[in-house]
Amino acid sequence: SADADALWRSLPQASTREELDFRNEAANAAACAALFAAEPRVHVPATDPSLSGERVLTMEWVDGAKLDDPAALLAAGVQPAEVAPLLTATFSAPAAVRRGEGTRAARLRASGRGCG
């Protein structure tokens, strides 16, 4: 719409526009998928570049369970007690890579972008 276009053009800083550019999110998703490729408990939804752009990000649908629903987690084959440690490890991995820890992942993440 015209209002959305006017708002987009009025964003004050390049960093704000960069943050809202979904092409960057697609690149981050690809980097995260590579980072966690060896971790079978982590799945990063694939993006569809042919249906994505600066303002739209199209990703695969992934069925899941709410983290606060132990019965649904168990039905999905996830042990509720394993969720918190996995989340902590998953969200701290990009920071560890930026600090130079890791091997192949460190080279993949040399750009300093985070997952998520």
PDB file of N, CA and C in Angstrom:
ATOM      1  N   SER A   1       0.829  -1.184   0.000  1.00  0.00           N
ATOM      2  CA  SER A   1       0.000   0.000   0.000  1.00  0.00           C
ATOM      3  C   SER A   1       0.874   1.247   0.000  1.00  0.00           C
ATOM      4  N   ALA A   2       0.293   2.365  -0.312  1.00  0.00           N
ATOM      5  CA  ALA A   2       1.025   3.637  -0.350  1.00  0.00           C
ATOM      6  C   ALA A   2       1.524   4.010   1.035  1.00  0.00           C
ATOM      7  N   ASP A   3       0.720   3.745   2.075  1.00  0.00           N
ATOM      8  CA  ASP A   3       1.147   4.049   3.443  1.00  0.00           C
ATOM      9  C   ASP A   3       2.368   3.238   3.834  1.00  0.00           C
ATOM     10  N   ALA A   4       2.371   1.956   3.502  1.00  0.00           N
ATOM     11  CA  ALA A   4       3.510   1.098   3.829  1.00  0.00           C
ATOM     12  C   ALA A   4       4.756   1.555   3.082  1.00  0.00           C
ATOM     13  N   ASP A   5       4.597   1.932   1.814  1.00  0.00           N
ATOM     14  CA  ASP A   5       5.743   2.425   1.039  1.00  0.00           C
ATOM     15  C   ASP A   5       6.286   3.712   1.629  1.00  0.00           C
ATOM     16  N   ALA A   6       5.414   4.627   2.037  1.00  0.00           N
ATOM     17  CA  ALA A   6       5.854   5.884   2.643  1.00  0.00           C
ATOM     18  C   ALA A   6       6.583   5.621   3.952  1.00  0.00           C
ATOM     19  N   LEU A   7       6.060   4.706   4.745  1.00  0.00           N
ATOM     20  CA  LEU A   7       6.722   4.359   6.001  1.00  0.00           C
ATOM     21  C   LEU A   7       8.102   3.778   5.733  1.00  0.00           C
ATOM     22  N   TRP A   8       8.189   2.865   4.781  1.00  0.00           N
ATOM     23  CA  TRP A   8       9.463   2.231   4.441  1.00  0.00           C
ATOM     24  C   TRP A   8      10.494   3.282   4.020  1.00  0.00           C
ATOM     25  N   ARG A   9      10.102   4.220   3.178  1.00  0.00           N
ATOM     26  CA  ARG A   9      11.040   5.251   2.700  1.00  0.00           C
ATOM     27  C   ARG A   9      11.436   6.218   3.809  1.00  0.00           C
ATOM     28  N   SER A  10      10.607   6.339   4.833  1.00  0.00           N
ATOM     29  CA  SER A  10      10.888   7.310   5.890  1.00  0.00           C
ATOM     30  C   SER A  10      11.771   6.758   7.006  1.00  0.00           C
ATOM     31  N   LEU A  11      12.098   5.480   6.953  1.00  0.00           N
ATOM     32  CA  LEU A  11      12.933   4.924   8.016  1.00  0.00           C
ATOM     33  C   LEU A  11      14.238   5.705   8.106  1.00  0.00           C
ATOM     34  N   PRO A  12      14.600   6.144   9.309  1.00  0.00           N
ATOM     35  CA  PRO A  12      15.677   7.121   9.468  1.00  0.00           C
ATOM     36  C   PRO A  12      17.085   6.604   9.272  1.00  0.00           C
ATOM     37  N   GLN A  13      17.325   5.346   9.528  1.00  0.00           N
ATOM     38  CA  GLN A  13      18.709   4.883   9.488  1.00  0.00           C
ATOM     39  C   GLN A  13      18.846   3.686   8.575  1.00  0.00           C
ATOM     40  N   ALA A  14      20.027   3.607   7.956  1.00  0.00           N
ATOM     41  CA  ALA A  14      20.298   2.458   7.104  1.00  0.00           C
ATOM     42  C   ALA A  14      20.267   1.174   7.915  1.00  0.00           C
ATOM     43  N   SER A  15      20.700   1.223   9.164  1.00  0.00           N
ATOM     44  CA  SER A  15      20.707   0.012   9.987  1.00  0.00           C
ATOM     45  C   SER A  15      19.287  -0.501  10.226  1.00  0.00           C
ATOM     46  N   THR A  16      18.326   0.400  10.364  1.00  0.00           N
ATOM     47  CA  THR A  16      16.937  -0.018  10.539  1.00  0.00           C
ATOM     48  C   THR A  16      16.445  -0.699   9.276  1.00  0.00           C
ATOM     49  N   ARG A  17      16.743  -0.118   8.137  1.00  0.00           N
ATOM     50  CA  ARG A  17      16.326  -0.746   6.874  1.00  0.00           C
ATOM     51  C   ARG A  17      17.003  -2.097   6.704  1.00  0.00           C
ATOM     52  N   GLU A  18      18.286  -2.173   7.054  1.00  0.00           N
ATOM     53  CA  GLU A  18      19.005  -3.439   6.939  1.00  0.00           C
ATOM     54  C   GLU A  18      18.377  -4.495   7.847  1.00  0.00           C
ATOM     55  N   GLU A  19      18.009  -4.087   9.047  1.00  0.00           N
ATOM     56  CA  GLU A  19      17.399  -5.016   9.998  1.00  0.00           C
ATOM     57  C   GLU A  19      16.052  -5.517   9.488  1.00  0.00           C
ATOM     58  N   LEU A  20      15.338  -4.695   8.751  1.00  0.00           N
ATOM     59  CA  LEU A  20      14.021  -5.069   8.235  1.00  0.00           C
ATOM     60  C   LEU A  20      14.081  -5.719   6.855  1.00  0.00           C
ATOM     61  N   ASP A  21      15.262  -5.894   6.309  1.00  0.00           N
ATOM     62  CA  ASP A  21      15.424  -6.503   4.988  1.00  0.00           C
ATOM     63  C   ASP A  21      15.434  -8.025   5.148  1.00  0.00           C
ATOM     64  N   PHE A  22      14.387  -8.668   4.695  1.00  0.00           N
ATOM     65  CA  PHE A  22      14.254 -10.101   4.893  1.00  0.00           C
ATOM     66  C   PHE A  22      15.270 -10.922   4.104  1.00  0.00           C
ATOM     67  N   ARG A  23      15.948 -10.322   3.150  1.00  0.00           N
ATOM     68  CA  ARG A  23      17.034 -11.050   2.477  1.00  0.00           C
ATOM     69  C   ARG A  23      18.140 -11.352   3.473  1.00  0.00           C
ATOM     70  N   ASN A  24      18.377 -10.429   4.424  1.00  0.00           N
ATOM     71  CA  ASN A  24      19.364 -10.679   5.474  1.00  0.00           C
ATOM     72  C   ASN A  24      18.919 -11.829   6.374  1.00  0.00           C
ATOM     73  N   GLU A  25      17.620 -11.875   6.669  1.00  0.00           N
ATOM     74  CA  GLU A  25      17.099 -12.976   7.487  1.00  0.00           C
ATOM     75  C   GLU A  25      17.266 -14.308   6.758  1.00  0.00           C
ATOM     76  N   ALA A  26      17.068 -14.318   5.458  1.00  0.00           N
ATOM     77  CA  ALA A  26      17.256 -15.549   4.689  1.00  0.00           C
ATOM     78  C   ALA A  26      18.717 -15.997   4.751  1.00  0.00           C
ATOM     79  N   ALA A  27      19.635 -15.044   4.648  1.00  0.00           N
ATOM     80  CA  ALA A  27      21.066 -15.379   4.743  1.00  0.00           C
ATOM     81  C   ALA A  27      21.392 -15.898   6.143  1.00  0.00           C
ATOM     82  N   ASN A  28      20.809 -15.282   7.170  1.00  0.00           N
ATOM     83  CA  ASN A  28      21.026 -15.754   8.540  1.00  0.00           C
ATOM     84  C   ASN A  28      20.482 -17.167   8.720  1.00  0.00           C
ATOM     85  N   ALA A  29      19.329 -17.440   8.151  1.00  0.00           N
ATOM     86  CA  ALA A  29      18.746 -18.778   8.254  1.00  0.00           C
ATOM     87  C   ALA A  29      19.667 -19.812   7.600  1.00  0.00           C
ATOM     88  N   ALA A  30      20.211 -19.479   6.447  1.00  0.00           N
ATOM     89  CA  ALA A  30      21.124 -20.400   5.765  1.00  0.00           C
ATOM     90  C   ALA A  30      22.381 -20.633   6.596  1.00  0.00           C
ATOM     91  N   ALA A  31      22.910 -19.573   7.195  1.00  0.00           N
ATOM     92  CA  ALA A  31      24.103 -19.706   8.036  1.00  0.00           C
ATOM     93  C   ALA A  31      23.797 -20.554   9.270  1.00  0.00           C
ATOM     94  N   CYS A  32      22.628 -20.349   9.855  1.00  0.00           N
ATOM     95  CA  CYS A  32      22.245 -21.139  11.032  1.00  0.00           C
ATOM     96  C   CYS A  32      22.037 -22.601  10.659  1.00  0.00           C
ATOM     97  N   ALA A  33      21.440 -22.853   9.511  1.00  0.00           N
ATOM     98  CA  ALA A  33      21.246 -24.230   9.063  1.00  0.00           C
ATOM     99  C   ALA A  33      22.602 -24.921   8.911  1.00  0.00           C
ATOM    100  N   ALA A  34      23.583 -24.212   8.360  1.00  0.00           N
ATOM    101  CA  ALA A  34      24.924 -24.781   8.218  1.00  0.00           C
ATOM    102  C   ALA A  34      25.568 -24.995   9.581  1.00  0.00           C
ATOM    103  N   LEU A  35      25.371 -24.045  10.473  1.00  0.00           N
ATOM    104  CA  LEU A  35      25.958 -24.123  11.809  1.00  0.00           C
ATOM    105  C   LEU A  35      25.436 -25.338  12.570  1.00  0.00           C
ATOM    106  N   PHE A  36      24.157 -25.658  12.407  1.00  0.00           N
ATOM    107  CA  PHE A  36      23.548 -26.753  13.160  1.00  0.00           C
ATOM    108  C   PHE A  36      23.302 -27.998  12.313  1.00  0.00           C
ATOM    109  N   ALA A  37      23.967 -28.101  11.181  1.00  0.00           N
ATOM    110  CA  ALA A  37      23.744 -29.239  10.285  1.00  0.00           C
ATOM    111  C   ALA A  37      24.025 -30.582  10.967  1.00  0.00           C
ATOM    112  N   ALA A  38      24.967 -30.623  11.880  1.00  0.00           N
ATOM    113  CA  ALA A  38      25.328 -31.870  12.552  1.00  0.00           C
ATOM    114  C   ALA A  38      24.488 -32.135  13.803  1.00  0.00           C
ATOM    115  N   GLU A  39      23.572 -31.249  14.123  1.00  0.00           N
ATOM    116  CA  GLU A  39      22.730 -31.397  15.327  1.00  0.00           C
ATOM    117  C   GLU A  39      21.331 -31.816  14.897  1.00  0.00           C
ATOM    118  N   PRO A  40      21.001 -33.113  15.010  1.00  0.00           N
ATOM    119  CA  PRO A  40      19.709 -33.590  14.512  1.00  0.00           C
ATOM    120  C   PRO A  40      18.500 -33.047  15.292  1.00  0.00           C
ATOM    121  N   ARG A  41      18.718 -32.502  16.486  1.00  0.00           N
ATOM    122  CA  ARG A  41      17.599 -31.986  17.276  1.00  0.00           C
ATOM    123  C   ARG A  41      17.248 -30.551  16.912  1.00  0.00           C
ATOM    124  N   VAL A  42      18.047 -29.917  16.042  1.00  0.00           N
ATOM    125  CA  VAL A  42      17.786 -28.530  15.640  1.00  0.00           C
ATOM    126  C   VAL A  42      17.451 -28.515  14.153  1.00  0.00           C
ATOM    127  N   HIS A  43      16.325 -27.910  13.820  1.00  0.00           N
ATOM    128  CA  HIS A  43      15.926 -27.770  12.415  1.00  0.00           C
ATOM    129  C   HIS A  43      15.667 -26.299  12.119  1.00  0.00           C
ATOM    130  N   VAL A  44      16.356 -25.777  11.137  1.00  0.00           N
ATOM    131  CA  VAL A  44      16.134 -24.404  10.693  1.00  0.00           C
ATOM    132  C   VAL A  44      15.272 -24.479   9.434  1.00  0.00           C
ATOM    133  N   PRO A  45      14.093 -23.888   9.444  1.00  0.00           N
ATOM    134  CA  PRO A  45      13.236 -23.966   8.260  1.00  0.00           C
ATOM    135  C   PRO A  45      13.939 -23.419   7.014  1.00  0.00           C
ATOM    136  N   ALA A  46      13.780 -24.131   5.924  1.00  0.00           N
ATOM    137  CA  ALA A  46      14.372 -23.697   4.652  1.00  0.00           C
ATOM    138  C   ALA A  46      13.616 -22.485   4.130  1.00  0.00           C
ATOM    139  N   THR A  47      14.344 -21.606   3.469  1.00  0.00           N
ATOM    140  CA  THR A  47      13.718 -20.446   2.850  1.00  0.00           C
ATOM    141  C   THR A  47      13.513 -20.723   1.361  1.00  0.00           C
ATOM    142  N   ASP A  48      12.621 -19.992   0.760  1.00  0.00           N
ATOM    143  CA  ASP A  48      12.363 -20.113  -0.680  1.00  0.00           C
ATOM    144  C   ASP A  48      12.717 -18.780  -1.332  1.00  0.00           C
ATOM    145  N   PRO A  49      13.946 -18.682  -1.872  1.00  0.00           N
ATOM    146  CA  PRO A  49      14.376 -17.413  -2.470  1.00  0.00           C
ATOM    147  C   PRO A  49      13.485 -16.943  -3.615  1.00  0.00           C
ATOM    148  N   SER A  50      12.867 -17.866  -4.329  1.00  0.00           N
ATOM    149  CA  SER A  50      12.028 -17.455  -5.462  1.00  0.00           C
ATOM    150  C   SER A  50      10.746 -16.762  -4.999  1.00  0.00           C
ATOM    151  N   LEU A  51      10.371 -16.950  -3.729  1.00  0.00           N
ATOM    152  CA  LEU A  51       9.177 -16.312  -3.188  1.00  0.00           C
ATOM    153  C   LEU A  51       9.506 -15.318  -2.080  1.00  0.00           C
ATOM    154  N   SER A  52      10.761 -14.934  -1.981  1.00  0.00           N
ATOM    155  CA  SER A  52      11.209 -14.031  -0.918  1.00  0.00           C
ATOM    156  C   SER A  52      11.863 -12.803  -1.526  1.00  0.00           C
ATOM    157  N   GLY A  53      12.013 -11.788  -0.720  1.00  0.00           N
ATOM    158  CA  GLY A  53      12.666 -10.561  -1.175  1.00  0.00           C
ATOM    159  C   GLY A  53      12.926  -9.641   0.005  1.00  0.00           C
ATOM    160  N   GLU A  54      13.078  -8.373  -0.292  1.00  0.00           N
ATOM    161  CA  GLU A  54      13.399  -7.382   0.723  1.00  0.00           C
ATOM    162  C   GLU A  54      12.334  -7.307   1.816  1.00  0.00           C
ATOM    163  N   ARG A  55      11.078  -7.441   1.435  1.00  0.00           N
ATOM    164  CA  ARG A  55       9.995  -7.271   2.395  1.00  0.00           C
ATOM    165  C   ARG A  55       9.205  -8.538   2.697  1.00  0.00           C
ATOM    166  N   VAL A  56       9.551  -9.643   2.065  1.00  0.00           N
ATOM    167  CA  VAL A  56       8.831 -10.899   2.269  1.00  0.00           C
ATOM    168  C   VAL A  56       9.839 -12.028   2.433  1.00  0.00           C
ATOM    169  N   LEU A  57       9.620 -12.868   3.439  1.00  0.00           N
ATOM    170  CA  LEU A  57      10.441 -14.059   3.634  1.00  0.00           C
ATOM    171  C   LEU A  57       9.510 -15.253   3.656  1.00  0.00           C
ATOM    172  N   THR A  58       9.695 -16.163   2.708  1.00  0.00           N
ATOM    173  CA  THR A  58       8.878 -17.361   2.621  1.00  0.00           C
ATOM    174  C   THR A  58       9.724 -18.538   3.085  1.00  0.00           C
ATOM    175  N   MET A  59       9.205 -19.248   4.085  1.00  0.00           N
ATOM    176  CA  MET A  59       9.919 -20.383   4.659  1.00  0.00           C
ATOM    177  C   MET A  59       9.015 -21.607   4.657  1.00  0.00           C
ATOM    178  N   GLU A  60       9.642 -22.771   4.764  1.00  0.00           N
ATOM    179  CA  GLU A  60       8.866 -24.001   4.837  1.00  0.00           C
ATOM    180  C   GLU A  60       8.051 -24.034   6.130  1.00  0.00           C
ATOM    181  N   TRP A  61       6.916 -24.726   6.084  1.00  0.00           N
ATOM    182  CA  TRP A  61       6.096 -24.922   7.267  1.00  0.00           C
ATOM    183  C   TRP A  61       6.680 -26.083   8.060  1.00  0.00           C
ATOM    184  N   VAL A  62       6.806 -25.900   9.358  1.00  0.00           N
ATOM    185  CA  VAL A  62       7.305 -26.953  10.228  1.00  0.00           C
ATOM    186  C   VAL A  62       6.300 -27.144  11.355  1.00  0.00           C
ATOM    187  N   ASP A  63       5.742 -28.346  11.453  1.00  0.00           N
ATOM    188  CA  ASP A  63       4.856 -28.650  12.572  1.00  0.00           C
ATOM    189  C   ASP A  63       5.695 -28.721  13.836  1.00  0.00           C
ATOM    190  N   GLY A  64       5.129 -28.296  14.943  1.00  0.00           N
ATOM    191  CA  GLY A  64       5.869 -28.318  16.189  1.00  0.00           C
ATOM    192  C   GLY A  64       4.955 -28.429  17.384  1.00  0.00           C
ATOM    193  N   ALA A  65       5.564 -28.277  18.545  1.00  0.00           N
ATOM    194  CA  ALA A  65       4.832 -28.344  19.804  1.00  0.00           C
ATOM    195  C   ALA A  65       5.228 -27.150  20.652  1.00  0.00           C
ATOM    196  N   LYS A  66       4.294 -26.650  21.440  1.00  0.00           N
ATOM    197  CA  LYS A  66       4.608 -25.554  22.342  1.00  0.00           C
ATOM    198  C   LYS A  66       5.558 -26.062  23.425  1.00  0.00           C
ATOM    199  N   LEU A  67       6.506 -25.225  23.779  1.00  0.00           N
ATOM    200  CA  LEU A  67       7.497 -25.616  24.782  1.00  0.00           C
ATOM    201  C   LEU A  67       6.888 -25.817  26.163  1.00  0.00           C
ATOM    202  N   ASP A  68       5.729 -25.221  26.400  1.00  0.00           N
ATOM    203  CA  ASP A  68       5.094 -25.363  27.710  1.00  0.00           C
ATOM    204  C   ASP A  68       4.015 -26.459  27.716  1.00  0.00           C
ATOM    205  N   ASP A  69       4.068 -27.349  26.728  1.00  0.00           N
ATOM    206  CA  ASP A  69       3.107 -28.446  26.638  1.00  0.00           C
ATOM    207  C   ASP A  69       3.863 -29.779  26.657  1.00  0.00           C
ATOM    208  N   PRO A  70       4.166 -30.300  27.865  1.00  0.00           N
ATOM    209  CA  PRO A  70       4.961 -31.531  27.965  1.00  0.00           C
ATOM    210  C   PRO A  70       4.364 -32.709  27.203  1.00  0.00           C
ATOM    211  N   ALA A  71       3.042 -32.848  27.200  1.00  0.00           N
ATOM    212  CA  ALA A  71       2.418 -33.968  26.491  1.00  0.00           C
ATOM    213  C   ALA A  71       2.683 -33.877  24.983  1.00  0.00           C
ATOM    214  N   ALA A  72       2.577 -32.662  24.437  1.00  0.00           N
ATOM    215  CA  ALA A  72       2.841 -32.482  23.000  1.00  0.00           C
ATOM    216  C   ALA A  72       4.313 -32.722  22.683  1.00  0.00           C
ATOM    217  N   LEU A  73       5.199 -32.276  23.572  1.00  0.00           N
ATOM    218  CA  LEU A  73       6.631 -32.521  23.365  1.00  0.00           C
ATOM    219  C   LEU A  73       6.909 -34.021  23.345  1.00  0.00           C
ATOM    220  N   LEU A  74       6.374 -34.743  24.330  1.00  0.00           N
ATOM    221  CA  LEU A  74       6.572 -36.192  24.388  1.00  0.00           C
ATOM    222  C   LEU A  74       6.008 -36.876  23.145  1.00  0.00           C
ATOM    223  N   ALA A  75       4.834 -36.410  22.675  1.00  0.00           N
ATOM    224  CA  ALA A  75       4.228 -36.984  21.468  1.00  0.00           C
ATOM    225  C   ALA A  75       5.109 -36.754  20.244  1.00  0.00           C
ATOM    226  N   ALA A  76       5.881 -35.662  20.274  1.00  0.00           N
ATOM    227  CA  ALA A  76       6.784 -35.357  19.162  1.00  0.00           C
ATOM    228  C   ALA A  76       8.148 -36.030  19.335  1.00  0.00           C
ATOM    229  N   GLY A  77       8.309 -36.800  20.421  1.00  0.00           N
ATOM    230  CA  GLY A  77       9.569 -37.498  20.649  1.00  0.00           C
ATOM    231  C   GLY A  77      10.625 -36.650  21.336  1.00  0.00           C
ATOM    232  N   VAL A  78      10.193 -35.574  21.995  1.00  0.00           N
ATOM    233  CA  VAL A  78      11.117 -34.667  22.673  1.00  0.00           C
ATOM    234  C   VAL A  78      10.941 -34.820  24.179  1.00  0.00           C
ATOM    235  N   GLN A  79      12.038 -35.032  24.874  1.00  0.00           N
ATOM    236  CA  GLN A  79      12.002 -35.106  26.333  1.00  0.00           C
ATOM    237  C   GLN A  79      11.967 -33.680  26.879  1.00  0.00           C
ATOM    238  N   PRO A  80      10.917 -33.311  27.620  1.00  0.00           N
ATOM    239  CA  PRO A  80      10.813 -31.939  28.132  1.00  0.00           C
ATOM    240  C   PRO A  80      12.053 -31.462  28.892  1.00  0.00           C
ATOM    241  N   ALA A  81      12.701 -32.342  29.639  1.00  0.00           N
ATOM    242  CA  ALA A  81      13.878 -31.948  30.416  1.00  0.00           C
ATOM    243  C   ALA A  81      15.073 -31.589  29.525  1.00  0.00           C
ATOM    244  N   GLU A  82      15.044 -31.999  28.263  1.00  0.00           N
ATOM    245  CA  GLU A  82      16.151 -31.705  27.352  1.00  0.00           C
ATOM    246  C   GLU A  82      15.982 -30.368  26.625  1.00  0.00           C
ATOM    247  N   VAL A  83      14.800 -29.773  26.722  1.00  0.00           N
ATOM    248  CA  VAL A  83      14.507 -28.569  25.949  1.00  0.00           C
ATOM    249  C   VAL A  83      15.353 -27.381  26.395  1.00  0.00           C
ATOM    250  N   ALA A  84      15.363 -27.076  27.687  1.00  0.00           N
ATOM    251  CA  ALA A  84      16.093 -25.891  28.171  1.00  0.00           C
ATOM    252  C   ALA A  84      17.588 -25.970  27.856  1.00  0.00           C
ATOM    253  N   PRO A  85      18.274 -27.090  28.122  1.00  0.00           N
ATOM    254  CA  PRO A  85      19.697 -27.146  27.769  1.00  0.00           C
ATOM    255  C   PRO A  85      19.948 -27.011  26.259  1.00  0.00           C
ATOM    256  N   LEU A  86      19.056 -27.596  25.450  1.00  0.00           N
ATOM    257  CA  LEU A  86      19.219 -27.480  23.998  1.00  0.00           C
ATOM    258  C   LEU A  86      19.011 -26.042  23.544  1.00  0.00           C
ATOM    259  N   LEU A  87      17.985 -25.376  24.080  1.00  0.00           N
ATOM    260  CA  LEU A  87      17.759 -23.968  23.724  1.00  0.00           C
ATOM    261  C   LEU A  87      18.958 -23.103  24.109  1.00  0.00           C
ATOM    262  N   THR A  88      19.481 -23.333  25.299  1.00  0.00           N
ATOM    263  CA  THR A  88      20.642 -22.557  25.758  1.00  0.00           C
ATOM    264  C   THR A  88      21.829 -22.782  24.833  1.00  0.00           C
ATOM    265  N   ALA A  89      22.101 -24.021  24.503  1.00  0.00           N
ATOM    266  CA  ALA A  89      23.226 -24.326  23.610  1.00  0.00           C
ATOM    267  C   ALA A  89      23.006 -23.753  22.216  1.00  0.00           C
ATOM    268  N   THR A  90      21.765 -23.851  21.724  1.00  0.00           N
ATOM    269  CA  THR A  90      21.457 -23.371  20.382  1.00  0.00           C
ATOM    270  C   THR A  90      21.616 -21.860  20.275  1.00  0.00           C
ATOM    271  N   PHE A  91      21.078 -21.129  21.232  1.00  0.00           N
ATOM    272  CA  PHE A  91      21.136 -19.672  21.154  1.00  0.00           C
ATOM    273  C   PHE A  91      22.498 -19.105  21.539  1.00  0.00           C
ATOM    274  N   SER A  92      23.313 -19.874  22.261  1.00  0.00           N
ATOM    275  CA  SER A  92      24.646 -19.377  22.604  1.00  0.00           C
ATOM    276  C   SER A  92      25.683 -19.773  21.562  1.00  0.00           C
ATOM    277  N   ALA A  93      25.373 -20.710  20.679  1.00  0.00           N
ATOM    278  CA  ALA A  93      26.337 -21.165  19.677  1.00  0.00           C
ATOM    279  C   ALA A  93      26.832 -20.045  18.764  1.00  0.00           C
ATOM    280  N   PRO A  94      25.958 -19.178  18.226  1.00  0.00           N
ATOM    281  CA  PRO A  94      26.473 -18.109  17.368  1.00  0.00           C
ATOM    282  C   PRO A  94      27.441 -17.180  18.102  1.00  0.00           C
ATOM    283  N   ALA A  95      27.194 -16.909  19.375  1.00  0.00           N
ATOM    284  CA  ALA A  95      28.104 -16.056  20.146  1.00  0.00           C
ATOM    285  C   ALA A  95      29.441 -16.742  20.326  1.00  0.00           C
ATOM    286  N   ALA A  96      29.429 -18.054  20.576  1.00  0.00           N
ATOM    287  CA  ALA A  96      30.678 -18.796  20.720  1.00  0.00           C
ATOM    288  C   ALA A  96      31.470 -18.766  19.420  1.00  0.00           C
ATOM    289  N   VAL A  97      30.756 -18.880  18.312  1.00  0.00           N
ATOM    290  CA  VAL A  97      31.430 -18.834  17.013  1.00  0.00           C
ATOM    291  C   VAL A  97      32.054 -17.463  16.792  1.00  0.00           C
ATOM    292  N   ARG A  98      31.330 -16.391  17.152  1.00  0.00           N
ATOM    293  CA  ARG A  98      31.887 -15.046  16.988  1.00  0.00           C
ATOM    294  C   ARG A  98      33.132 -14.854  17.839  1.00  0.00           C
ATOM    295  N   ARG A  99      33.216 -15.570  18.991  1.00  0.00           N
ATOM    296  CA  ARG A  99      34.403 -15.467  19.834  1.00  0.00           C
ATOM    297  C   ARG A  99      35.552 -16.293  19.281  1.00  0.00           C
ATOM    298  N   GLY A 100      35.323 -17.033  18.207  1.00  0.00           N
ATOM    299  CA  GLY A 100      36.385 -17.816  17.595  1.00  0.00           C
ATOM    300  C   GLY A 100      36.422 -19.264  18.037  1.00  0.00           C
ATOM    301  N   GLU A 101      35.414 -19.690  18.793  1.00  0.00           N
ATOM    302  CA  GLU A 101      35.343 -21.079  19.212  1.00  0.00           C
ATOM    303  C   GLU A 101      34.737 -21.897  18.087  1.00  0.00           C
ATOM    304  N   GLY A 102      35.031 -23.157  18.053  1.00  0.00           N
ATOM    305  CA  GLY A 102      34.471 -24.026  17.023  1.00  0.00           C
ATOM    306  C   GLY A 102      35.429 -24.152  15.856  1.00  0.00           C
ATOM    307  N   THR A 103      35.029 -24.893  14.853  1.00  0.00           N
ATOM    308  CA  THR A 103      35.896 -25.148  13.712  1.00  0.00           C
ATOM    309  C   THR A 103      35.222 -24.663  12.440  1.00  0.00           C
ATOM    310  N   ARG A 104      34.597 -25.576  11.704  1.00  0.00           N
ATOM    311  CA  ARG A 104      33.926 -25.203  10.461  1.00  0.00           C
ATOM    312  C   ARG A 104      32.877 -24.120  10.722  1.00  0.00           C
ATOM    313  N   ALA A 105      32.163 -24.269  11.831  1.00  0.00           N
ATOM    314  CA  ALA A 105      31.128 -23.289  12.162  1.00  0.00           C
ATOM    315  C   ALA A 105      31.731 -21.902  12.330  1.00  0.00           C
ATOM    316  N   ALA A 106      32.931 -21.837  12.904  1.00  0.00           N
ATOM    317  CA  ALA A 106      33.574 -20.537  13.099  1.00  0.00           C
ATOM    318  C   ALA A 106      33.855 -19.869  11.758  1.00  0.00           C
ATOM    319  N   ARG A 107      34.281 -20.641  10.800  1.00  0.00           N
ATOM    320  CA  ARG A 107      34.541 -20.066   9.476  1.00  0.00           C
ATOM    321  C   ARG A 107      33.241 -19.625   8.808  1.00  0.00           C
ATOM    322  N   LEU A 108      32.182 -20.420   8.988  1.00  0.00           N
ATOM    323  CA  LEU A 108      30.887 -20.068   8.397  1.00  0.00           C
ATOM    324  C   LEU A 108      30.328 -18.789   8.991  1.00  0.00           C
ATOM    325  N   ARG A 109      30.574 -18.571  10.278  1.00  0.00           N
ATOM    326  CA  ARG A 109      29.975 -17.456  10.968  1.00  0.00           C
ATOM    327  C   ARG A 109      30.909 -16.265  11.116  1.00  0.00           C
ATOM    328  N   ALA A 110      31.967 -16.228  10.334  1.00  0.00           N
ATOM    329  CA  ALA A 110      32.946 -15.133  10.443  1.00  0.00           C
ATOM    330  C   ALA A 110      32.316 -13.770  10.213  1.00  0.00           C
ATOM    331  N   SER A 111      31.155 -13.739   9.592  1.00  0.00           N
ATOM    332  CA  SER A 111      30.489 -12.470   9.330  1.00  0.00           C
ATOM    333  C   SER A 111      29.951 -11.820  10.600  1.00  0.00           C
ATOM    334  N   GLY A 112      29.808 -12.590  11.673  1.00  0.00           N
ATOM    335  CA  GLY A 112      29.314 -12.053  12.923  1.00  0.00           C
ATOM    336  C   GLY A 112      27.809 -11.991  13.044  1.00  0.00           C
ATOM    337  N   ARG A 113      27.068 -12.483  12.074  1.00  0.00           N
ATOM    338  CA  ARG A 113      25.611 -12.483  12.168  1.00  0.00           C
ATOM    339  C   ARG A 113      25.161 -13.572  13.128  1.00  0.00           C
ATOM    340  N   GLY A 114      24.071 -13.342  13.801  1.00  0.00           N
ATOM    341  CA  GLY A 114      23.552 -14.322  14.743  1.00  0.00           C
ATOM    342  C   GLY A 114      22.409 -15.129  14.156  1.00  0.00           C
ATOM    343  N   CYS A 115      22.056 -16.197  14.830  1.00  0.00           N
ATOM    344  CA  CYS A 115      20.906 -17.010  14.436  1.00  0.00           C
ATOM    345  C   CYS A 115      19.679 -16.471  15.132  1.00  0.00           C
ATOM    346  N   GLY A 116      18.651 -16.236  14.343  1.00  0.00           N
ATOM    347  CA  GLY A 116      17.384 -15.855  14.934  1.00  0.00           C
ATOM    348  C   GLY A 116      17.212 -14.410  15.225  1.00  0.00           C
TER     349      GLY A 116
END
